[in-house]
């Protein structure tokens, strides 16, 4: 499993913008997560302003640590620790929330550009998105990370994982055909200094 990154050059400083792993999980592991996510009670996804279909149209369910998901939490922890150690070097506490299983359905499943913000003593510092769907199962639905004025689409291959600071603007383009599944994790820590 190779680690890769994309960096934004800002004068002399290099700011880690995102890091990715092309095959973070196998096809079978992705399918297992889809089965687990579909077995959970879905809810309409919301934003901090509540349910806003103009901004976000998807269904989510929450995967909590259990005997069925322990392997997934261990795997995600190993990935996050490796990426953070190599690229971001954030002071992290861990997963403060469950893993969000997200389902975007055609004709308009989407999430407009946003940042991942959480309130309280521990804040979201690192966002991780894992592509669960096979590219043949849907059209549209690109996860885009926005640097400057140009959104950068991420790869759509099944098992592709990308991590980025939670303060980076990102969104999901409308799904125009089929269904896109993803797994989202937020890793929290003390306030940035």
Protein backbone atom coordinates (compact mmCIF):
# COMPACT_ATOMS: atom_id res chain seq x y z
CA UNK A 1 0.00 0.00 0.00
CA UNK A 2 1.71 3.19 -1.15
CA UNK A 3 1.30 6.57 0.48
CA UNK A 4 1.03 9.66 -1.69
CA UNK A 5 0.39 13.30 -1.04
CA UNK A 6 -0.46 16.55 -2.70
CA UNK A 7 1.14 19.70 -1.36
CA UNK A 8 0.31 23.32 -1.85
CA UNK A 9 3.39 25.50 -2.13
CA UNK A 10 3.02 28.75 -0.26
CA UNK A 11 6.23 30.77 -0.57
CA UNK A 12 8.91 28.82 1.29
CA UNK A 13 6.44 26.80 3.35
CA UNK A 14 4.85 23.57 2.23
CA UNK A 15 1.38 22.98 3.59
CA UNK A 16 0.16 19.39 3.47
CA UNK A 17 -3.16 19.64 1.68
CA UNK A 18 -4.15 16.02 1.24
CA UNK A 19 -2.67 12.55 1.31
CA UNK A 20 -4.14 9.45 -0.28
CA UNK A 21 -3.83 5.69 -0.52
CA UNK A 22 -5.11 4.22 -3.81
CA UNK A 23 -6.01 0.75 -2.46
CA UNK A 24 -6.57 1.29 1.24
CA UNK A 25 -9.17 -1.50 1.31
CA UNK A 26 -9.92 -4.42 -0.99
CA UNK A 27 -13.09 -4.82 -3.04
CA UNK A 28 -14.31 -7.47 -0.57
CA UNK A 29 -13.67 -5.19 2.41
CA UNK A 30 -15.54 -2.33 0.72
CA UNK A 31 -18.49 -4.62 -0.04
CA UNK A 32 -18.49 -5.81 3.59
CA UNK A 33 -18.71 -2.17 4.78
CA UNK A 34 -21.57 -1.49 2.34
CA UNK A 35 -23.47 -4.51 3.72
CA UNK A 36 -22.84 -3.34 7.28
CA UNK A 37 -23.87 0.25 6.49
CA UNK A 38 -27.05 -0.82 4.68
CA UNK A 39 -28.05 -2.95 7.70
CA UNK A 40 -28.06 0.15 9.95
CA UNK A 41 -30.93 2.58 10.38
CA UNK A 42 -30.40 5.45 7.90
CA UNK A 43 -31.13 9.09 8.62
CA UNK A 44 -31.32 12.11 6.37
CA UNK A 45 -27.95 13.82 6.44
CA UNK A 46 -27.86 17.27 7.95
CA UNK A 47 -25.50 20.18 8.35
CA UNK A 48 -24.95 22.34 11.43
CA UNK A 49 -27.91 24.35 10.14
CA UNK A 50 -30.17 21.27 10.11
CA UNK A 51 -31.51 19.40 7.06
CA UNK A 52 -30.77 21.61 4.02
CA UNK A 53 -31.45 19.79 0.71
CA UNK A 54 -30.00 22.71 -1.26
CA UNK A 55 -26.67 22.01 0.45
CA UNK A 56 -26.68 18.28 1.22
CA UNK A 57 -28.76 15.41 -0.13
CA UNK A 58 -27.72 12.01 1.19
CA UNK A 59 -28.53 9.35 3.75
CA UNK A 60 -26.14 8.47 6.55
CA UNK A 61 -25.85 5.83 9.22
CA UNK A 62 -23.26 5.49 11.94
CA UNK A 63 -20.92 2.56 12.38
CA UNK A 64 -19.95 2.30 16.04
CA UNK A 65 -17.24 0.05 17.49
CA UNK A 66 -18.57 -3.49 17.85
CA UNK A 67 -17.50 -7.06 17.20
CA UNK A 68 -18.67 -6.61 13.57
CA UNK A 69 -16.68 -3.41 13.02
CA UNK A 70 -13.60 -3.86 15.20
CA UNK A 71 -11.49 -4.87 12.17
CA UNK A 72 -12.54 -1.67 10.38
CA UNK A 73 -11.72 0.63 13.31
CA UNK A 74 -8.32 -1.06 13.72
CA UNK A 75 -7.57 -0.72 9.99
CA UNK A 76 -8.69 2.92 9.88
CA UNK A 77 -6.64 3.70 13.01
CA UNK A 78 -3.50 2.21 11.42
CA UNK A 79 -4.07 4.22 8.22
CA UNK A 80 -4.75 7.48 10.06
CA UNK A 81 -1.73 7.09 12.33
CA UNK A 82 0.52 6.43 9.34
CA UNK A 83 -0.79 9.34 7.28
CA UNK A 84 -0.72 11.74 10.21
CA UNK A 85 2.81 10.75 11.20
CA UNK A 86 4.14 11.12 7.67
CA UNK A 87 2.22 14.14 6.36
CA UNK A 88 0.18 16.16 8.83
CA UNK A 89 1.76 15.78 12.28
CA UNK A 90 -1.40 16.91 14.07
CA UNK A 91 -1.94 16.37 17.79
CA UNK A 92 -4.81 13.85 17.61
CA UNK A 93 -6.98 12.14 20.23
CA UNK A 94 -8.90 9.67 18.07
CA UNK A 95 -12.34 9.05 16.60
CA UNK A 96 -14.75 11.12 18.69
CA UNK A 97 -17.69 10.06 16.52
CA UNK A 98 -18.61 6.81 14.85
CA UNK A 99 -17.69 6.22 11.22
CA UNK A 100 -20.23 7.82 8.89
CA UNK A 101 -21.56 5.50 6.19
CA UNK A 102 -22.92 7.79 3.47
CA UNK A 103 -25.22 6.97 0.57
CA UNK A 104 -25.60 9.43 -2.33
CA UNK A 105 -28.31 8.46 -4.82
CA UNK A 106 -29.13 9.77 -8.29
CA UNK A 107 -30.47 12.03 -9.52
CA UNK A 108 -29.18 14.62 -7.07
CA UNK A 109 -27.24 13.12 -4.15
CA UNK A 110 -24.61 15.75 -3.31
CA UNK A 111 -22.89 17.85 -0.67
CA UNK A 112 -21.97 21.43 -1.55
CA UNK A 113 -18.50 22.74 -0.70
CA UNK A 114 -18.01 22.95 3.06
CA UNK A 115 -15.52 22.49 5.85
CA UNK A 116 -15.84 19.86 8.57
CA UNK A 117 -16.35 21.74 11.78
CA UNK A 118 -17.30 20.43 15.18
CA UNK A 119 -17.90 22.28 18.38
CA UNK A 120 -16.70 21.54 21.89
CA UNK A 121 -13.44 20.90 23.69
CA UNK A 122 -12.19 18.49 21.03
CA UNK A 123 -12.32 19.63 17.41
CA UNK A 124 -12.24 17.79 14.09
CA UNK A 125 -8.69 18.07 12.80
CA UNK A 126 -8.36 15.41 10.12
CA UNK A 127 -11.08 14.29 7.69
CA UNK A 128 -10.83 10.90 5.97
CA UNK A 129 -13.01 9.76 3.06
CA UNK A 130 -12.98 6.18 1.77
CA UNK A 131 -14.57 5.38 -1.59
CA UNK A 132 -16.68 2.23 -1.18
CA UNK A 133 -18.52 2.01 -4.54
CA UNK A 134 -17.22 0.49 -7.72
CA UNK A 135 -16.86 3.18 -10.40
CA UNK A 136 -19.21 1.17 -12.65
CA UNK A 137 -22.04 1.59 -10.13
CA UNK A 138 -22.54 5.35 -10.49
CA UNK A 139 -21.79 8.49 -12.48
CA UNK A 140 -20.95 11.93 -11.10
CA UNK A 141 -20.43 12.09 -7.35
CA UNK A 142 -16.81 13.22 -7.44
CA UNK A 143 -15.31 14.24 -4.12
CA UNK A 144 -13.58 17.56 -4.82
CA UNK A 145 -11.06 19.26 -2.58
CA UNK A 146 -10.89 22.97 -3.25
CA UNK A 147 -7.57 24.75 -3.28
CA UNK A 148 -7.97 28.35 -4.33
CA UNK A 149 -10.76 28.72 -6.86
CA UNK A 150 -10.37 25.34 -8.57
CA UNK A 151 -11.94 22.20 -7.08
CA UNK A 152 -9.63 19.18 -7.51
CA UNK A 153 -11.56 15.94 -8.14
CA UNK A 154 -10.29 12.90 -6.26
CA UNK A 155 -10.08 9.45 -7.80
CA UNK A 156 -13.26 7.40 -7.72
CA UNK A 157 -11.78 3.89 -7.59
CA UNK A 158 -13.16 1.51 -5.01
CA UNK A 159 -10.89 1.43 -1.95
CA UNK A 160 -9.38 4.89 -2.62
CA UNK A 161 -8.83 6.78 0.63
CA UNK A 162 -8.00 10.47 1.01
CA UNK A 163 -7.18 12.40 4.19
CA UNK A 164 -7.05 16.17 4.56
CA UNK A 165 -7.21 18.80 7.29
CA UNK A 166 -10.82 19.33 8.33
CA UNK A 167 -10.53 23.06 7.65
CA UNK A 168 -10.00 22.43 3.90
CA UNK A 169 -12.99 23.24 1.67
CA UNK A 170 -14.43 20.13 -0.03
CA UNK A 171 -17.69 18.74 -1.39
CA UNK A 172 -19.35 15.98 -3.41
CA UNK A 173 -20.65 16.71 -6.91
CA UNK A 174 -24.20 15.50 -7.73
CA UNK A 175 -24.58 11.80 -8.49
CA UNK A 176 -26.28 11.64 -11.89
CA UNK A 177 -26.71 7.86 -12.17
CA UNK A 178 -26.64 5.01 -9.67
CA UNK A 179 -25.49 5.13 -6.05
CA UNK A 180 -22.22 6.25 -4.48
CA UNK A 181 -21.26 4.87 -1.07
CA UNK A 182 -18.49 6.32 1.07
CA UNK A 183 -17.15 6.04 4.58
CA UNK A 184 -16.19 9.25 6.39
CA UNK A 185 -14.17 9.58 9.57
CA UNK A 186 -13.21 12.63 11.57
CA UNK A 187 -10.24 12.47 13.87
CA UNK A 188 -10.32 14.99 16.66
CA UNK A 189 -7.78 16.64 18.89
CA UNK A 190 -7.10 19.71 20.97
CA UNK A 191 -7.44 23.12 19.34
CA UNK A 192 -4.79 24.10 16.80
CA UNK A 193 -2.03 26.29 18.23
